[in-house]
Amino acid sequence: MSNTKFVQLRGYIEWAKIFHDNRDVSSTNKGVNKMLKEADGQYKMNFYPIDDEELQKAKDTGLSEELYGGGQRFKHTGNFGCGRYFELKRKNRDMKEVKNKETGELEEVNFGGPVEVVWFNEEKGYNTPWNRETDGNIGNGSEVVVKFSVYGEGTGQTVRLIKVGVVKHLQYEMAEGNRL
């Protein structure tokens, strides 16, 4: 039986779709599109550990390097931090039946839902809720502390994004070709 491990790492984010109105809701891949529809979308981002030491912390938790289907979890790009990233995701709706420890009855629990996004620095405070109206969207290269859970082992492992703490905010800038 596997236990859930909770991991907190410092690094940078890219392609952050971590708010309800910018979550992934469709894909050109039929299988992914079906999952997104059933889950009412998913929150996701690329996470770059700040250095090789943080990357090793991720690996030391038992985070598998190989994904289901033969893909590799850790991808090389060199954009930020240690130059390697991995995706962190969370379904919007992720219903599971679990046994209530007090009653012994099975209950449906939603392990999905919005990612908690907060400020995580001295200026704005630690765990101060993020306000998109005043704080804006989170741009590529923003420095963050992430919290996620790891359950299981190998290619069947479940990794679930829980929280994003923004240390240094870079404003999101829309590419010129995407403006109306």
C-alpha atoms as a PDB file:
ATOM      1  CA  MET A   1       0.000   0.000   0.000  1.00  0.00           C
ATOM      2  CA  SER A   2       1.365   3.405  -0.959  1.00  0.00           C
ATOM      3  CA  ASN A   3       1.242   6.511   1.149  1.00  0.00           C
ATOM      4  CA  THR A   4       0.697  10.021  -0.144  1.00  0.00           C
ATOM      5  CA  LYS A   5       3.791  12.209   0.003  1.00  0.00           C
ATOM      6  CA  PHE A   6       3.512  15.971   0.060  1.00  0.00           C
ATOM      7  CA  VAL A   7       6.261  17.908  -1.695  1.00  0.00           C
ATOM      8  CA  GLN A   8       7.170  21.594  -1.601  1.00  0.00           C
ATOM      9  CA  LEU A   9       9.688  22.954  -4.122  1.00  0.00           C
ATOM     10  CA  ARG A  10      10.962  26.355  -5.229  1.00  0.00           C
ATOM     11  CA  GLY A  11      11.278  27.214  -8.911  1.00  0.00           C
ATOM     12  CA  TYR A  12       9.718  28.950 -11.895  1.00  0.00           C
ATOM     13  CA  ILE A  13       6.490  28.454 -13.787  1.00  0.00           C
ATOM     14  CA  GLU A  14       5.627  28.547 -17.456  1.00  0.00           C
ATOM     15  CA  TRP A  15       2.261  28.323 -19.257  1.00  0.00           C
ATOM     16  CA  ALA A  16       0.328  28.641 -16.006  1.00  0.00           C
ATOM     17  CA  LYS A  17      -3.309  27.699 -16.501  1.00  0.00           C
ATOM     18  CA  ILE A  18      -4.112  27.667 -12.809  1.00  0.00           C
ATOM     19  CA  PHE A  19      -7.253  29.798 -12.575  1.00  0.00           C
ATOM     20  CA  HIS A  20     -10.808  28.626 -13.190  1.00  0.00           C
ATOM     21  CA  ASP A  21     -11.367  30.755 -16.290  1.00  0.00           C
ATOM     22  CA  ASN A  22      -8.063  29.854 -17.991  1.00  0.00           C
ATOM     23  CA  ARG A  23      -7.932  26.122 -17.182  1.00  0.00           C
ATOM     24  CA  ASP A  24      -7.542  23.575 -19.986  1.00  0.00           C
ATOM     25  CA  VAL A  25     -10.974  22.503 -21.219  1.00  0.00           C
ATOM     26  CA  SER A  26     -10.222  20.942 -24.619  1.00  0.00           C
ATOM     27  CA  SER A  27      -7.520  19.128 -26.560  1.00  0.00           C
ATOM     28  CA  THR A  28      -6.913  17.853 -30.078  1.00  0.00           C
ATOM     29  CA  ASN A  29      -6.138  14.434 -28.520  1.00  0.00           C
ATOM     30  CA  LYS A  30      -9.440  12.495 -28.294  1.00  0.00           C
ATOM     31  CA  GLY A  31      -8.470  10.622 -25.126  1.00  0.00           C
ATOM     32  CA  VAL A  32      -7.320  13.788 -23.356  1.00  0.00           C
ATOM     33  CA  ASN A  33     -10.390  15.656 -24.598  1.00  0.00           C
ATOM     34  CA  LYS A  34     -12.661  12.954 -23.090  1.00  0.00           C
ATOM     35  CA  MET A  35     -10.862  13.206 -19.727  1.00  0.00           C
ATOM     36  CA  LEU A  36     -11.089  17.024 -19.795  1.00  0.00           C
ATOM     37  CA  LYS A  37     -14.811  16.874 -20.472  1.00  0.00           C
ATOM     38  CA  GLU A  38     -15.411  14.373 -17.627  1.00  0.00           C
ATOM     39  CA  ALA A  39     -13.252  16.460 -15.259  1.00  0.00           C
ATOM     40  CA  ASP A  40     -14.695  19.822 -16.380  1.00  0.00           C
ATOM     41  CA  GLY A  41     -11.148  20.813 -17.334  1.00  0.00           C
ATOM     42  CA  GLN A  42      -7.825  20.750 -15.532  1.00  0.00           C
ATOM     43  CA  TYR A  43      -5.382  23.238 -14.043  1.00  0.00           C
ATOM     44  CA  LYS A  44      -1.813  22.814 -15.233  1.00  0.00           C
ATOM     45  CA  MET A  45       1.589  24.428 -15.524  1.00  0.00           C
ATOM     46  CA  ASN A  46       5.197  23.622 -16.355  1.00  0.00           C
ATOM     47  CA  PHE A  47       7.365  23.754 -13.242  1.00  0.00           C
ATOM     48  CA  TYR A  48      11.140  24.323 -13.407  1.00  0.00           C
ATOM     49  CA  PRO A  49      12.985  23.599 -10.145  1.00  0.00           C
ATOM     50  CA  ILE A  50      15.189  26.572  -9.262  1.00  0.00           C
ATOM     51  CA  ASP A  51      18.364  24.444  -9.298  1.00  0.00           C
ATOM     52  CA  ASP A  52      19.617  20.853  -9.494  1.00  0.00           C
ATOM     53  CA  GLU A  53      19.237  20.453  -5.716  1.00  0.00           C
ATOM     54  CA  GLU A  54      15.475  21.150  -5.940  1.00  0.00           C
ATOM     55  CA  LEU A  55      15.193  18.794  -8.926  1.00  0.00           C
ATOM     56  CA  GLN A  56      16.868  16.082  -6.850  1.00  0.00           C
ATOM     57  CA  LYS A  57      14.395  16.718  -3.995  1.00  0.00           C
ATOM     58  CA  ALA A  58      11.582  15.974  -6.465  1.00  0.00           C
ATOM     59  CA  LYS A  59      13.256  12.750  -7.553  1.00  0.00           C
ATOM     60  CA  ASP A  60      13.988  11.740  -3.937  1.00  0.00           C
ATOM     61  CA  THR A  61      10.242  11.703  -3.184  1.00  0.00           C
ATOM     62  CA  GLY A  62       9.916   8.796  -5.584  1.00  0.00           C
ATOM     63  CA  LEU A  63       8.523  10.906  -8.420  1.00  0.00           C
ATOM     64  CA  SER A  64       8.764   8.504 -11.362  1.00  0.00           C
ATOM     65  CA  GLU A  65      10.870   9.559 -14.337  1.00  0.00           C
ATOM     66  CA  GLU A  66       8.828   7.535 -16.812  1.00  0.00           C
ATOM     67  CA  LEU A  67       5.184   8.278 -17.568  1.00  0.00           C
ATOM     68  CA  TYR A  68       2.397   5.935 -18.597  1.00  0.00           C
ATOM     69  CA  GLY A  69       2.814   5.324 -22.321  1.00  0.00           C
ATOM     70  CA  GLY A  70       6.604   5.613 -22.208  1.00  0.00           C
ATOM     71  CA  GLY A  71       7.047   9.400 -22.053  1.00  0.00           C
ATOM     72  CA  GLN A  72       9.557  11.072 -19.788  1.00  0.00           C
ATOM     73  CA  ARG A  73       8.387  13.218 -16.846  1.00  0.00           C
ATOM     74  CA  PHE A  74      11.414  15.532 -16.775  1.00  0.00           C
ATOM     75  CA  LYS A  75      11.878  17.457 -20.010  1.00  0.00           C
ATOM     76  CA  HIS A  76      14.881  19.573 -21.023  1.00  0.00           C
ATOM     77  CA  THR A  77      14.427  23.112 -22.368  1.00  0.00           C
ATOM     78  CA  GLY A  78      16.835  25.421 -20.569  1.00  0.00           C
ATOM     79  CA  ASN A  79      14.187  28.166 -20.246  1.00  0.00           C
ATOM     80  CA  PHE A  80      14.334  28.651 -16.470  1.00  0.00           C
ATOM     81  CA  GLY A  81      15.976  27.354 -13.303  1.00  0.00           C
ATOM     82  CA  CYS A  82      17.857  24.083 -13.736  1.00  0.00           C
ATOM     83  CA  GLY A  83      16.708  23.816 -17.369  1.00  0.00           C
ATOM     84  CA  ARG A  84      14.423  20.842 -16.765  1.00  0.00           C
ATOM     85  CA  TYR A  85      10.704  20.960 -16.115  1.00  0.00           C
ATOM     86  CA  PHE A  86       7.787  18.706 -15.356  1.00  0.00           C
ATOM     87  CA  GLU A  87       4.058  19.291 -15.615  1.00  0.00           C
ATOM     88  CA  LEU A  88       1.940  19.741 -12.537  1.00  0.00           C
ATOM     89  CA  LYS A  89      -1.805  19.242 -12.965  1.00  0.00           C
ATOM     90  CA  ARG A  90      -5.046  19.109 -11.043  1.00  0.00           C
ATOM     91  CA  LYS A  91      -8.437  18.099 -12.427  1.00  0.00           C
ATOM     92  CA  ASN A  92     -11.320  20.452 -11.777  1.00  0.00           C
ATOM     93  CA  ARG A  93     -13.532  17.477 -10.859  1.00  0.00           C
ATOM     94  CA  ASP A  94     -11.831  14.299  -9.631  1.00  0.00           C
ATOM     95  CA  MET A  95     -14.403  12.183  -7.794  1.00  0.00           C
ATOM     96  CA  LYS A  96     -13.146   9.137  -5.877  1.00  0.00           C
ATOM     97  CA  GLU A  97     -14.811   6.737  -3.472  1.00  0.00           C
ATOM     98  CA  VAL A  98     -12.980   6.638  -0.153  1.00  0.00           C
ATOM     99  CA  LYS A  99     -13.699   4.918   3.119  1.00  0.00           C
ATOM    100  CA  ASN A 100     -14.656   7.241   5.972  1.00  0.00           C
ATOM    101  CA  LYS A 101     -12.258   6.366   8.829  1.00  0.00           C
ATOM    102  CA  GLU A 102     -14.883   7.102  11.497  1.00  0.00           C
ATOM    103  CA  THR A 103     -17.943   5.392   9.996  1.00  0.00           C
ATOM    104  CA  GLY A 104     -16.339   2.834   7.695  1.00  0.00           C
ATOM    105  CA  GLU A 105     -18.791   3.893   4.970  1.00  0.00           C
ATOM    106  CA  LEU A 106     -17.730   4.686   1.406  1.00  0.00           C
ATOM    107  CA  GLU A 107     -18.082   8.343   0.444  1.00  0.00           C
ATOM    108  CA  GLU A 108     -17.542  10.244  -2.779  1.00  0.00           C
ATOM    109  CA  VAL A 109     -14.845  12.885  -2.378  1.00  0.00           C
ATOM    110  CA  ASN A 110     -13.715  15.467  -4.935  1.00  0.00           C
ATOM    111  CA  PHE A 111      -9.910  15.502  -5.056  1.00  0.00           C
ATOM    112  CA  GLY A 112     -10.037  18.187  -7.731  1.00  0.00           C
ATOM    113  CA  GLY A 113     -11.102  21.805  -7.696  1.00  0.00           C
ATOM    114  CA  PRO A 114      -9.247  25.081  -8.067  1.00  0.00           C
ATOM    115  CA  VAL A 115      -5.576  25.343  -7.182  1.00  0.00           C
ATOM    116  CA  GLU A 116      -4.890  27.565  -4.171  1.00  0.00           C
ATOM    117  CA  VAL A 117      -2.833  30.542  -5.417  1.00  0.00           C
ATOM    118  CA  VAL A 118      -1.241  32.895  -2.866  1.00  0.00           C
ATOM    119  CA  TRP A 119       1.514  35.444  -2.446  1.00  0.00           C
ATOM    120  CA  PHE A 120       4.594  34.015  -0.757  1.00  0.00           C
ATOM    121  CA  ASN A 121       6.983  36.869   0.069  1.00  0.00           C
ATOM    122  CA  GLU A 122       7.665  39.546   2.685  1.00  0.00           C
ATOM    123  CA  GLU A 123       6.216  42.427   0.667  1.00  0.00           C
ATOM    124  CA  LYS A 124       2.765  40.925  -0.006  1.00  0.00           C
ATOM    125  CA  GLY A 125       2.735  38.415   2.853  1.00  0.00           C
ATOM    126  CA  TYR A 126       2.894  34.663   3.169  1.00  0.00           C
ATOM    127  CA  ASN A 127      -0.265  32.818   2.156  1.00  0.00           C
ATOM    128  CA  THR A 128      -2.055  36.043   1.222  1.00  0.00           C
ATOM    129  CA  PRO A 129      -4.702  35.025  -1.362  1.00  0.00           C
ATOM    130  CA  TRP A 130      -3.951  35.982  -4.974  1.00  0.00           C
ATOM    131  CA  ASN A 131      -6.404  38.483  -6.456  1.00  0.00           C
ATOM    132  CA  ARG A 132      -6.417  38.383 -10.263  1.00  0.00           C
ATOM    133  CA  GLU A 133      -8.248  41.715 -10.505  1.00  0.00           C
ATOM    134  CA  THR A 134      -5.457  43.574  -8.714  1.00  0.00           C
ATOM    135  CA  ASP A 135      -2.508  41.180  -9.062  1.00  0.00           C
ATOM    136  CA  GLY A 136      -3.117  40.122 -12.682  1.00  0.00           C
ATOM    137  CA  ASN A 137      -2.210  36.900 -14.446  1.00  0.00           C
ATOM    138  CA  ILE A 138       1.020  35.037 -13.687  1.00  0.00           C
ATOM    139  CA  GLY A 139       3.600  35.228 -16.468  1.00  0.00           C
ATOM    140  CA  ASN A 140       6.276  32.808 -17.615  1.00  0.00           C
ATOM    141  CA  GLY A 141       9.371  32.920 -15.425  1.00  0.00           C
ATOM    142  CA  SER A 142       7.554  33.958 -12.247  1.00  0.00           C
ATOM    143  CA  GLU A 143       9.327  32.522  -9.210  1.00  0.00           C
ATOM    144  CA  VAL A 144       7.101  30.303  -7.079  1.00  0.00           C
ATOM    145  CA  VAL A 145       6.955  27.738  -4.334  1.00  0.00           C
ATOM    146  CA  VAL A 146       4.685  24.837  -5.285  1.00  0.00           C
ATOM    147  CA  LYS A 147       3.060  22.184  -3.161  1.00  0.00           C
ATOM    148  CA  PHE A 148       1.925  18.931  -4.736  1.00  0.00           C
ATOM    149  CA  SER A 149       1.159  15.376  -3.692  1.00  0.00           C
ATOM    150  CA  VAL A 150       2.610  12.127  -5.012  1.00  0.00           C
ATOM    151  CA  TYR A 151       0.637   8.901  -4.592  1.00  0.00           C
ATOM    152  CA  GLY A 152       1.684   5.496  -5.814  1.00  0.00           C
ATOM    153  CA  GLU A 153       4.709   4.336  -7.743  1.00  0.00           C
ATOM    154  CA  GLY A 154       5.943   3.904 -11.287  1.00  0.00           C
ATOM    155  CA  THR A 155       3.985   4.835 -14.379  1.00  0.00           C
ATOM    156  CA  GLY A 156       0.633   4.635 -12.558  1.00  0.00           C
ATOM    157  CA  GLN A 157       1.644   7.321 -10.077  1.00  0.00           C
ATOM    158  CA  THR A 158      -0.752  10.200  -9.346  1.00  0.00           C
ATOM    159  CA  VAL A 159       0.784  13.664  -8.984  1.00  0.00           C
ATOM    160  CA  ARG A 160      -1.655  16.411  -7.964  1.00  0.00           C
ATOM    161  CA  LEU A 161      -0.949  20.152  -7.808  1.00  0.00           C
ATOM    162  CA  ILE A 162      -2.234  21.629  -4.538  1.00  0.00           C
ATOM    163  CA  LYS A 163      -0.894  25.157  -4.092  1.00  0.00           C
ATOM    164  CA  VAL A 164       1.169  27.838  -5.828  1.00  0.00           C
ATOM    165  CA  GLY A 165       2.891  30.559  -3.771  1.00  0.00           C
ATOM    166  CA  VAL A 166       4.139  33.456  -5.888  1.00  0.00           C
ATOM    167  CA  VAL A 167       7.533  34.739  -4.688  1.00  0.00           C
ATOM    168  CA  LYS A 168       8.420  37.059  -7.613  1.00  0.00           C
ATOM    169  CA  HIS A 169       5.638  37.965 -10.012  1.00  0.00           C
ATOM    170  CA  LEU A 170       6.243  38.575 -13.699  1.00  0.00           C
ATOM    171  CA  GLN A 171       3.168  39.945 -15.417  1.00  0.00           C
ATOM    172  CA  TYR A 172       1.640  37.761 -18.109  1.00  0.00           C
ATOM    173  CA  GLU A 173       2.141  39.268 -21.572  1.00  0.00           C
ATOM    174  CA  MET A 174      -0.006  38.099 -24.458  1.00  0.00           C
ATOM    175  CA  ALA A 175       1.904  37.334 -27.656  1.00  0.00           C
ATOM    176  CA  GLU A 176       1.391  40.014 -30.335  1.00  0.00           C
ATOM    177  CA  GLY A 177      -0.283  37.564 -32.729  1.00  0.00           C
ATOM    178  CA  ASN A 178      -2.921  36.628 -30.118  1.00  0.00           C
ATOM    179  CA  ARG A 179      -4.425  40.115 -29.723  1.00  0.00           C
ATOM    180  CA  LEU A 180      -7.823  40.857 -31.248  1.00  0.00           C
END
